[in-house]
Amino acid sequence: MGQAPEQEHPKNAFGWAAKDTSGVLSPFHFSRRATGEKDVTFKVTHCGICHSDLHMIKNEWGNTIYPIVPGHEIVGVVTEVGSKVSKFKVGDKVGVGCMVGSCHSCDSCAIDLENYCPKVIMTYANKYHDGTITYGGYSDIMVADEHFVVLYSPLRFYGLDKPGMHVGVVGLGGLGHVAVKFAKAMGVKVTVISTSPSKKSEAIERLGADSFLVSRDQDEMQAAMGTMDGIIDTVSAVHPLMPLIGLLKSQGKLVLVGAPEKPLELPAFSLLMGE
């Protein structure tokens, strides 16, 4: 047996953890490591709830380590930085996403694609370099290597950030909200695609989306065929991809950022015919 979570490291921490597959969160005392020379320590002020947190606390993907402190959409204010930290200073507002470590020596790490590193270390329910378990953002403080103190990427990476482009956002949950806000800030035309007509006013009036499609309305979907440069699909439940592929221009990009627990059907012809 290793040490108890609250005795592993010098910094006292408090969070909310699930202890078993019931997924019930309860108060949890644990500890964070001391601020290393490349580390940033920050007070957590906000943490999003991602559907992957729900999958993980119930062990629906089969790889959960209990107790688990979920949360990987973490924002806070820096309280301490290590002696070799160059990008951040005390008082900065920072964010940490779904990973906190990698090998730093493979091909993926060499080109800043650490999320594809075979030894990537996830923000929670993974083993860190020192052998201790990682705990996420449903907690009061966080310590992270400055290299992984980051913000967003799909719109930028896939070139969907140019003013005048037309991007669809599927699902108006947590990720969907953020996608709409980022895309609008980049000057992109945004259409929200949802199964829930009730979300139309929120999408257009509150978040500034340009238009709204009900994905179950075949007439609406038909009228929008071939109009989008890209689609960010945030849905975490099984859903048909073929209608979404139909909305894309040729050479359009469908980017999946939701992770359903069952495989999605991918029709080859709609990919081939739409390039």
C-alpha atoms as a PDB file:
ATOM      1  CA  MET A   1       0.000   0.000   0.000  1.00  0.00           C
ATOM      2  CA  GLY A   2       1.206   3.516  -0.822  1.00  0.00           C
ATOM      3  CA  GLN A   3       0.637   6.540   1.353  1.00  0.00           C
ATOM      4  CA  ALA A   4      -2.837   7.953   1.937  1.00  0.00           C
ATOM      5  CA  PRO A   5      -3.774  10.638  -0.624  1.00  0.00           C
ATOM      6  CA  GLU A   6      -3.503  13.447   1.931  1.00  0.00           C
ATOM      7  CA  GLN A   7       0.045  12.399   2.910  1.00  0.00           C
ATOM      8  CA  GLU A   8       1.613  11.838  -0.525  1.00  0.00           C
ATOM      9  CA  HIS A   9       2.594  15.451  -1.100  1.00  0.00           C
ATOM     10  CA  PRO A  10       3.276  18.594   0.993  1.00  0.00           C
ATOM     11  CA  LYS A  11       0.386  20.834  -0.198  1.00  0.00           C
ATOM     12  CA  ASN A  12      -2.996  20.185   1.427  1.00  0.00           C
ATOM     13  CA  ALA A  13      -5.842  20.060  -1.084  1.00  0.00           C
ATOM     14  CA  PHE A  14      -9.583  19.584  -0.925  1.00  0.00           C
ATOM     15  CA  GLY A  15     -11.900  18.352  -3.648  1.00  0.00           C
ATOM     16  CA  TRP A  16     -14.916  16.255  -4.590  1.00  0.00           C
ATOM     17  CA  ALA A  17     -14.316  12.620  -5.445  1.00  0.00           C
ATOM     18  CA  ALA A  18     -16.239   9.550  -6.556  1.00  0.00           C
ATOM     19  CA  LYS A  19     -15.214   6.471  -4.573  1.00  0.00           C
ATOM     20  CA  ASP A  20     -16.983   3.812  -6.687  1.00  0.00           C
ATOM     21  CA  THR A  21     -19.096   3.220  -9.823  1.00  0.00           C
ATOM     22  CA  SER A  22     -22.191   4.838  -8.246  1.00  0.00           C
ATOM     23  CA  GLY A  23     -20.531   8.069  -9.397  1.00  0.00           C
ATOM     24  CA  VAL A  24     -21.613   9.892  -6.227  1.00  0.00           C
ATOM     25  CA  LEU A  25     -19.256  12.766  -5.410  1.00  0.00           C
ATOM     26  CA  SER A  26     -18.311  13.385  -1.786  1.00  0.00           C
ATOM     27  CA  PRO A  27     -15.774  15.614   0.045  1.00  0.00           C
ATOM     28  CA  PHE A  28     -12.190  14.396  -0.348  1.00  0.00           C
ATOM     29  CA  HIS A  29      -8.986  15.518   1.376  1.00  0.00           C
ATOM     30  CA  PHE A  30      -5.784  14.871  -0.581  1.00  0.00           C
ATOM     31  CA  SER A  31      -2.503  16.628  -1.422  1.00  0.00           C
ATOM     32  CA  ARG A  32      -0.680  18.289  -4.311  1.00  0.00           C
ATOM     33  CA  ARG A  33       3.066  18.228  -4.966  1.00  0.00           C
ATOM     34  CA  ALA A  34       5.337  21.144  -4.068  1.00  0.00           C
ATOM     35  CA  THR A  35       5.834  23.671  -6.878  1.00  0.00           C
ATOM     36  CA  GLY A  36       8.697  22.247  -8.973  1.00  0.00           C
ATOM     37  CA  GLU A  37      11.022  24.454 -10.999  1.00  0.00           C
ATOM     38  CA  LYS A  38       8.799  24.171 -14.113  1.00  0.00           C
ATOM     39  CA  ASP A  39       5.469  24.078 -12.240  1.00  0.00           C
ATOM     40  CA  VAL A  40       2.655  26.589 -11.927  1.00  0.00           C
ATOM     41  CA  THR A  41       0.464  26.437  -8.800  1.00  0.00           C
ATOM     42  CA  PHE A  42      -2.916  28.124  -8.974  1.00  0.00           C
ATOM     43  CA  LYS A  43      -6.094  28.591  -6.976  1.00  0.00           C
ATOM     44  CA  VAL A  44      -8.951  26.979  -8.910  1.00  0.00           C
ATOM     45  CA  THR A  45     -11.773  29.478  -9.440  1.00  0.00           C
ATOM     46  CA  HIS A  46     -13.897  27.615 -12.022  1.00  0.00           C
ATOM     47  CA  CYS A  47     -14.141  24.133 -13.497  1.00  0.00           C
ATOM     48  CA  GLY A  48     -16.433  22.997 -16.287  1.00  0.00           C
ATOM     49  CA  ILE A  49     -18.418  19.775 -16.170  1.00  0.00           C
ATOM     50  CA  CYS A  50     -17.549  17.659 -19.224  1.00  0.00           C
ATOM     51  CA  HIS A  51     -19.549  14.585 -20.197  1.00  0.00           C
ATOM     52  CA  SER A  52     -16.297  12.627 -19.933  1.00  0.00           C
ATOM     53  CA  ASP A  53     -16.361  13.406 -16.174  1.00  0.00           C
ATOM     54  CA  LEU A  54     -19.688  11.554 -16.019  1.00  0.00           C
ATOM     55  CA  HIS A  55     -18.351   8.601 -18.045  1.00  0.00           C
ATOM     56  CA  MET A  56     -15.261   8.402 -15.826  1.00  0.00           C
ATOM     57  CA  ILE A  57     -16.880   8.637 -12.380  1.00  0.00           C
ATOM     58  CA  LYS A  58     -19.103   5.670 -13.321  1.00  0.00           C
ATOM     59  CA  ASN A  59     -16.220   3.781 -15.006  1.00  0.00           C
ATOM     60  CA  GLU A  60     -18.170   3.603 -18.295  1.00  0.00           C
ATOM     61  CA  TRP A  61     -14.910   3.540 -20.283  1.00  0.00           C
ATOM     62  CA  GLY A  62     -13.410   0.841 -18.053  1.00  0.00           C
ATOM     63  CA  ASN A  63     -10.200   2.669 -17.067  1.00  0.00           C
ATOM     64  CA  THR A  64     -11.150   4.601 -13.906  1.00  0.00           C
ATOM     65  CA  ILE A  65      -8.908   4.594 -10.839  1.00  0.00           C
ATOM     66  CA  TYR A  66     -10.804   5.309  -7.583  1.00  0.00           C
ATOM     67  CA  PRO A  67     -11.011   7.603  -5.720  1.00  0.00           C
ATOM     68  CA  ILE A  68     -11.353   9.943  -8.704  1.00  0.00           C
ATOM     69  CA  VAL A  69     -11.442  13.757  -8.614  1.00  0.00           C
ATOM     70  CA  PRO A  70     -12.780  14.684 -12.072  1.00  0.00           C
ATOM     71  CA  GLY A  71     -12.625  18.017 -13.915  1.00  0.00           C
ATOM     72  CA  HIS A  72     -10.400  18.965 -16.848  1.00  0.00           C
ATOM     73  CA  GLU A  73     -11.763  22.359 -17.908  1.00  0.00           C
ATOM     74  CA  ILE A  74      -9.957  24.206 -15.159  1.00  0.00           C
ATOM     75  CA  VAL A  75      -9.464  27.952 -14.707  1.00  0.00           C
ATOM     76  CA  GLY A  76      -7.722  29.723 -11.865  1.00  0.00           C
ATOM     77  CA  VAL A  77      -5.319  32.398 -10.628  1.00  0.00           C
ATOM     78  CA  VAL A  78      -1.595  31.706 -10.254  1.00  0.00           C
ATOM     79  CA  THR A  79      -0.326  31.756  -6.648  1.00  0.00           C
ATOM     80  CA  GLU A  80       3.232  30.445  -7.151  1.00  0.00           C
ATOM     81  CA  VAL A  81       5.600  29.680 -10.029  1.00  0.00           C
ATOM     82  CA  GLY A  82       8.752  27.572 -10.189  1.00  0.00           C
ATOM     83  CA  SER A  83      12.201  29.101 -10.709  1.00  0.00           C
ATOM     84  CA  LYS A  84      12.370  28.084 -14.394  1.00  0.00           C
ATOM     85  CA  VAL A  85       8.804  29.072 -15.376  1.00  0.00           C
ATOM     86  CA  SER A  86       8.883  31.641 -18.190  1.00  0.00           C
ATOM     87  CA  LYS A  87       5.289  31.986 -19.463  1.00  0.00           C
ATOM     88  CA  PHE A  88       3.369  32.794 -16.278  1.00  0.00           C
ATOM     89  CA  LYS A  89       3.589  34.962 -13.186  1.00  0.00           C
ATOM     90  CA  VAL A  90       1.691  35.211  -9.879  1.00  0.00           C
ATOM     91  CA  GLY A  91      -1.747  36.741 -10.459  1.00  0.00           C
ATOM     92  CA  ASP A  92      -2.161  35.479 -14.054  1.00  0.00           C
ATOM     93  CA  LYS A  93      -5.462  33.842 -15.016  1.00  0.00           C
ATOM     94  CA  VAL A  94      -4.655  30.408 -16.455  1.00  0.00           C
ATOM     95  CA  GLY A  95      -6.332  27.245 -17.679  1.00  0.00           C
ATOM     96  CA  VAL A  96      -5.522  23.516 -17.706  1.00  0.00           C
ATOM     97  CA  GLY A  97      -7.172  21.066 -20.092  1.00  0.00           C
ATOM     98  CA  CYS A  98      -7.329  17.278 -20.205  1.00  0.00           C
ATOM     99  CA  MET A  99      -3.596  16.471 -19.957  1.00  0.00           C
ATOM    100  CA  VAL A 100      -0.829  17.326 -17.496  1.00  0.00           C
ATOM    101  CA  GLY A 101       2.152  15.332 -18.753  1.00  0.00           C
ATOM    102  CA  SER A 102       3.796  13.434 -21.625  1.00  0.00           C
ATOM    103  CA  CYS A 103       7.120  11.802 -22.501  1.00  0.00           C
ATOM    104  CA  HIS A 104       8.612  14.917 -24.234  1.00  0.00           C
ATOM    105  CA  SER A 105      10.715  12.686 -26.494  1.00  0.00           C
ATOM    106  CA  CYS A 106       8.430  11.035 -29.091  1.00  0.00           C
ATOM    107  CA  ASP A 107       7.534  12.302 -32.573  1.00  0.00           C
ATOM    108  CA  SER A 108       4.206  13.721 -31.363  1.00  0.00           C
ATOM    109  CA  CYS A 109       5.794  15.626 -28.471  1.00  0.00           C
ATOM    110  CA  ALA A 110       8.431  17.022 -30.842  1.00  0.00           C
ATOM    111  CA  ILE A 111       5.750  18.801 -32.895  1.00  0.00           C
ATOM    112  CA  ASP A 112       3.597  20.052 -29.991  1.00  0.00           C
ATOM    113  CA  LEU A 113       0.978  17.289 -30.357  1.00  0.00           C
ATOM    114  CA  GLU A 114       1.419  15.874 -26.866  1.00  0.00           C
ATOM    115  CA  ASN A 115      -2.206  14.711 -26.800  1.00  0.00           C
ATOM    116  CA  TYR A 116      -1.138  11.934 -29.223  1.00  0.00           C
ATOM    117  CA  CYS A 117       1.895  10.901 -27.124  1.00  0.00           C
ATOM    118  CA  PRO A 118       1.649   7.175 -26.282  1.00  0.00           C
ATOM    119  CA  LYS A 119       2.589   8.081 -22.696  1.00  0.00           C
ATOM    120  CA  VAL A 120       0.307  11.112 -22.315  1.00  0.00           C
ATOM    121  CA  ILE A 121      -0.747  11.694 -18.686  1.00  0.00           C
ATOM    122  CA  MET A 122      -4.367  12.737 -18.292  1.00  0.00           C
ATOM    123  CA  THR A 123      -5.432  15.384 -15.777  1.00  0.00           C
ATOM    124  CA  TYR A 124      -7.164  12.852 -13.541  1.00  0.00           C
ATOM    125  CA  ALA A 125      -7.249   9.079 -12.896  1.00  0.00           C
ATOM    126  CA  ASN A 126      -3.781   8.577 -14.409  1.00  0.00           C
ATOM    127  CA  LYS A 127      -0.353   7.914 -12.919  1.00  0.00           C
ATOM    128  CA  TYR A 128       1.997  10.923 -12.922  1.00  0.00           C
ATOM    129  CA  HIS A 129       5.784  10.714 -13.510  1.00  0.00           C
ATOM    130  CA  ASP A 130       6.329  10.237  -9.740  1.00  0.00           C
ATOM    131  CA  GLY A 131       3.911   7.298  -9.572  1.00  0.00           C
ATOM    132  CA  THR A 132       1.121   9.146  -7.750  1.00  0.00           C
ATOM    133  CA  ILE A 133      -2.435   9.387  -9.107  1.00  0.00           C
ATOM    134  CA  THR A 134      -3.523  12.598 -10.853  1.00  0.00           C
ATOM    135  CA  TYR A 135      -6.533  14.479  -9.492  1.00  0.00           C
ATOM    136  CA  GLY A 136      -8.559  16.976 -11.521  1.00  0.00           C
ATOM    137  CA  GLY A 137     -10.198  20.359 -11.208  1.00  0.00           C
ATOM    138  CA  TYR A 138     -13.109  19.674  -8.835  1.00  0.00           C
ATOM    139  CA  SER A 139     -10.687  20.922  -6.213  1.00  0.00           C
ATOM    140  CA  ASP A 140      -9.336  24.064  -4.569  1.00  0.00           C
ATOM    141  CA  ILE A 141      -5.761  24.132  -5.904  1.00  0.00           C
ATOM    142  CA  MET A 142      -3.846  22.722  -8.867  1.00  0.00           C
ATOM    143  CA  VAL A 143      -0.152  22.227  -9.633  1.00  0.00           C
ATOM    144  CA  ALA A 144       0.773  21.718 -13.293  1.00  0.00           C
ATOM    145  CA  ASP A 145       3.851  21.765 -15.506  1.00  0.00           C
ATOM    146  CA  GLU A 146       3.770  25.141 -17.301  1.00  0.00           C
ATOM    147  CA  HIS A 147       3.974  23.284 -20.614  1.00  0.00           C
ATOM    148  CA  PHE A 148       0.404  22.029 -20.067  1.00  0.00           C
ATOM    149  CA  VAL A 149      -1.119  25.281 -18.862  1.00  0.00           C
ATOM    150  CA  VAL A 150      -3.050  25.910 -22.092  1.00  0.00           C
ATOM    151  CA  LEU A 151      -6.428  26.889 -23.582  1.00  0.00           C
ATOM    152  CA  TYR A 152      -8.132  25.839 -26.863  1.00  0.00           C
ATOM    153  CA  SER A 153      -7.280  24.317 -30.252  1.00  0.00           C
ATOM    154  CA  PRO A 154      -9.738  22.678 -32.739  1.00  0.00           C
ATOM    155  CA  LEU A 155     -10.895  25.825 -34.566  1.00  0.00           C
ATOM    156  CA  ARG A 156      -7.314  27.094 -34.942  1.00  0.00           C
ATOM    157  CA  PHE A 157      -5.701  23.741 -35.737  1.00  0.00           C
ATOM    158  CA  TYR A 158      -8.157  22.867 -38.495  1.00  0.00           C
ATOM    159  CA  GLY A 159      -8.061  26.360 -40.033  1.00  0.00           C
ATOM    160  CA  LEU A 160     -11.682  27.129 -39.140  1.00  0.00           C
ATOM    161  CA  ASP A 161     -10.779  30.493 -37.616  1.00  0.00           C
ATOM    162  CA  LYS A 162     -10.867  32.804 -40.656  1.00  0.00           C
ATOM    163  CA  PRO A 163     -13.445  35.622 -40.793  1.00  0.00           C
ATOM    164  CA  GLY A 164     -16.254  34.843 -43.248  1.00  0.00           C
ATOM    165  CA  MET A 165     -15.975  31.071 -42.901  1.00  0.00           C
ATOM    166  CA  HIS A 166     -19.119  29.113 -41.976  1.00  0.00           C
ATOM    167  CA  VAL A 167     -18.821  26.647 -39.078  1.00  0.00           C
ATOM    168  CA  GLY A 168     -21.510  24.397 -37.606  1.00  0.00           C
ATOM    169  CA  VAL A 169     -21.505  23.544 -33.902  1.00  0.00           C
ATOM    170  CA  VAL A 170     -23.360  20.332 -33.023  1.00  0.00           C
ATOM    171  CA  GLY A 171     -24.741  20.284 -29.480  1.00  0.00           C
ATOM    172  CA  LEU A 172     -25.100  23.276 -27.172  1.00  0.00           C
ATOM    173  CA  GLY A 173     -23.699  21.761 -23.994  1.00  0.00           C
ATOM    174  CA  GLY A 174     -20.553  23.025 -22.250  1.00  0.00           C
ATOM    175  CA  LEU A 175     -18.168  22.553 -25.184  1.00  0.00           C
ATOM    176  CA  GLY A 176     -20.752  23.799 -27.670  1.00  0.00           C
ATOM    177  CA  HIS A 177     -21.155  27.102 -25.806  1.00  0.00           C
ATOM    178  CA  VAL A 178     -17.390  27.636 -25.856  1.00  0.00           C
ATOM    179  CA  ALA A 179     -17.112  26.733 -29.548  1.00  0.00           C
ATOM    180  CA  VAL A 180     -19.784  29.287 -30.471  1.00  0.00           C
ATOM    181  CA  LYS A 181     -18.111  32.017 -28.402  1.00  0.00           C
ATOM    182  CA  PHE A 182     -14.631  31.376 -29.812  1.00  0.00           C
ATOM    183  CA  ALA A 183     -15.853  31.114 -33.400  1.00  0.00           C
ATOM    184  CA  LYS A 184     -17.842  34.360 -33.146  1.00  0.00           C
ATOM    185  CA  ALA A 185     -14.830  36.122 -31.588  1.00  0.00           C
ATOM    186  CA  MET A 186     -12.797  34.995 -34.637  1.00  0.00           C
ATOM    187  CA  GLY A 187     -15.346  36.528 -37.022  1.00  0.00           C
ATOM    188  CA  VAL A 188     -16.708  33.184 -38.222  1.00  0.00           C
ATOM    189  CA  LYS A 189     -20.358  32.653 -39.258  1.00  0.00           C
ATOM    190  CA  VAL A 190     -21.817  30.093 -36.822  1.00  0.00           C
ATOM    191  CA  THR A 191     -24.792  27.739 -37.172  1.00  0.00           C
ATOM    192  CA  VAL A 192     -25.808  25.750 -34.094  1.00  0.00           C
ATOM    193  CA  ILE A 193     -27.175  22.257 -34.895  1.00  0.00           C
ATOM    194  CA  SER A 194     -29.261  20.705 -32.142  1.00  0.00           C
ATOM    195  CA  THR A 195     -32.009  18.151 -31.521  1.00  0.00           C
ATOM    196  CA  SER A 196     -33.639  20.637 -29.098  1.00  0.00           C
ATOM    197  CA  PRO A 197     -35.646  23.483 -30.734  1.00  0.00           C
ATOM    198  CA  SER A 198     -35.889  25.017 -27.239  1.00  0.00           C
ATOM    199  CA  LYS A 199     -32.200  25.995 -27.400  1.00  0.00           C
ATOM    200  CA  LYS A 200     -32.686  28.307 -30.389  1.00  0.00           C
ATOM    201  CA  SER A 201     -33.133  31.521 -28.411  1.00  0.00           C
ATOM    202  CA  GLU A 202     -30.105  30.783 -26.238  1.00  0.00           C
ATOM    203  CA  ALA A 203     -27.949  30.040 -29.292  1.00  0.00           C
ATOM    204  CA  ILE A 204     -28.925  33.158 -31.231  1.00  0.00           C
ATOM    205  CA  GLU A 205     -29.845  35.748 -28.606  1.00  0.00           C
ATOM    206  CA  ARG A 206     -27.434  34.906 -25.794  1.00  0.00           C
ATOM    207  CA  LEU A 207     -24.436  33.411 -27.611  1.00  0.00           C
ATOM    208  CA  GLY A 208     -24.658  35.331 -30.892  1.00  0.00           C
ATOM    209  CA  ALA A 209     -24.945  32.387 -33.309  1.00  0.00           C
ATOM    210  CA  ASP A 210     -26.053  33.420 -36.819  1.00  0.00           C
ATOM    211  CA  SER A 211     -28.512  30.592 -37.374  1.00  0.00           C
ATOM    212  CA  PHE A 212     -29.971  27.450 -35.809  1.00  0.00           C
ATOM    213  CA  LEU A 213     -30.791  24.068 -37.344  1.00  0.00           C
ATOM    214  CA  VAL A 214     -32.972  21.401 -35.770  1.00  0.00           C
ATOM    215  CA  SER A 215     -31.129  18.233 -36.787  1.00  0.00           C
ATOM    216  CA  ARG A 216     -34.361  16.180 -36.858  1.00  0.00           C
ATOM    217  CA  ASP A 217     -36.007  18.632 -39.309  1.00  0.00           C
ATOM    218  CA  GLN A 218     -35.174  17.171 -42.725  1.00  0.00           C
ATOM    219  CA  ASP A 219     -36.301  20.277 -44.617  1.00  0.00           C
ATOM    220  CA  GLU A 220     -34.031  22.556 -42.580  1.00  0.00           C
ATOM    221  CA  MET A 221     -31.088  20.171 -42.934  1.00  0.00           C
ATOM    222  CA  GLN A 222     -31.683  19.764 -46.677  1.00  0.00           C
ATOM    223  CA  ALA A 223     -31.708  23.548 -47.187  1.00  0.00           C
ATOM    224  CA  ALA A 224     -28.279  23.832 -45.482  1.00  0.00           C
ATOM    225  CA  MET A 225     -26.583  21.004 -47.455  1.00  0.00           C
ATOM    226  CA  GLY A 226     -23.072  21.796 -48.663  1.00  0.00           C
ATOM    227  CA  THR A 227     -22.849  25.209 -46.955  1.00  0.00           C
ATOM    228  CA  MET A 228     -20.312  24.687 -44.139  1.00  0.00           C
ATOM    229  CA  ASP A 229     -16.509  24.827 -44.136  1.00  0.00           C
ATOM    230  CA  GLY A 230     -16.348  22.792 -40.952  1.00  0.00           C
ATOM    231  CA  ILE A 231     -18.352  21.296 -38.112  1.00  0.00           C
ATOM    232  CA  ILE A 232     -17.330  20.949 -34.461  1.00  0.00           C
ATOM    233  CA  ASP A 233     -19.340  17.984 -33.127  1.00  0.00           C
ATOM    234  CA  THR A 234     -19.524  18.082 -29.317  1.00  0.00           C
ATOM    235  CA  VAL A 235     -22.218  15.421 -28.786  1.00  0.00           C
ATOM    236  CA  SER A 236     -21.325  12.654 -26.312  1.00  0.00           C
ATOM    237  CA  ALA A 237     -24.192  10.294 -27.174  1.00  0.00           C
ATOM    238  CA  VAL A 238     -24.493   8.006 -30.207  1.00  0.00           C
ATOM    239  CA  HIS A 239     -25.887  10.016 -33.147  1.00  0.00           C
ATOM    240  CA  PRO A 240     -25.956   9.770 -36.984  1.00  0.00           C
ATOM    241  CA  LEU A 241     -22.958  11.358 -38.757  1.00  0.00           C
ATOM    242  CA  MET A 242     -24.283  11.087 -42.316  1.00  0.00           C
ATOM    243  CA  PRO A 243     -26.609  14.143 -42.094  1.00  0.00           C
ATOM    244  CA  LEU A 244     -23.710  16.203 -40.667  1.00  0.00           C
ATOM    245  CA  ILE A 245     -21.317  15.176 -43.446  1.00  0.00           C
ATOM    246  CA  GLY A 246     -23.984  16.320 -45.913  1.00  0.00           C
ATOM    247  CA  LEU A 247     -23.832  19.853 -44.490  1.00  0.00           C
ATOM    248  CA  LEU A 248     -20.143  20.225 -45.408  1.00  0.00           C
ATOM    249  CA  LYS A 249     -18.712  21.792 -48.540  1.00  0.00           C
ATOM    250  CA  SER A 250     -16.330  19.545 -50.427  1.00  0.00           C
ATOM    251  CA  GLN A 251     -13.052  19.231 -48.475  1.00  0.00           C
ATOM    252  CA  GLY A 252     -14.976  20.327 -45.371  1.00  0.00           C
ATOM    253  CA  LYS A 253     -13.869  19.125 -41.935  1.00  0.00           C
ATOM    254  CA  LEU A 254     -15.923  17.257 -39.346  1.00  0.00           C
ATOM    255  CA  VAL A 255     -14.115  17.512 -35.997  1.00  0.00           C
ATOM    256  CA  LEU A 256     -15.318  15.164 -33.230  1.00  0.00           C
ATOM    257  CA  VAL A 257     -14.731  16.469 -29.710  1.00  0.00           C
ATOM    258  CA  GLY A 258     -17.504  14.472 -27.996  1.00  0.00           C
ATOM    259  CA  ALA A 259     -16.746  10.855 -27.081  1.00  0.00           C
ATOM    260  CA  PRO A 260     -19.773   8.516 -27.163  1.00  0.00           C
ATOM    261  CA  GLU A 261     -19.216   5.216 -25.358  1.00  0.00           C
ATOM    262  CA  LYS A 262     -20.382   3.177 -28.381  1.00  0.00           C
ATOM    263  CA  PRO A 263     -18.898   3.345 -31.919  1.00  0.00           C
ATOM    264  CA  LEU A 264     -20.455   5.769 -34.410  1.00  0.00           C
ATOM    265  CA  GLU A 265     -21.406   4.649 -37.921  1.00  0.00           C
ATOM    266  CA  LEU A 266     -19.323   6.327 -40.607  1.00  0.00           C
ATOM    267  CA  PRO A 267     -20.794   5.938 -44.120  1.00  0.00           C
ATOM    268  CA  ALA A 268     -17.925   5.690 -46.607  1.00  0.00           C
ATOM    269  CA  PHE A 269     -19.900   6.963 -49.609  1.00  0.00           C
ATOM    270  CA  SER A 270     -20.790  10.294 -48.069  1.00  0.00           C
ATOM    271  CA  LEU A 271     -17.079  10.847 -47.314  1.00  0.00           C
ATOM    272  CA  LEU A 272     -15.976   9.808 -50.811  1.00  0.00           C
ATOM    273  CA  MET A 273     -18.608  11.817 -52.673  1.00  0.00           C
ATOM    274  CA  GLY A 274     -17.967  14.950 -50.608  1.00  0.00           C
ATOM    275  CA  GLU A 275     -14.162  14.641 -50.629  1.00  0.00           C
END
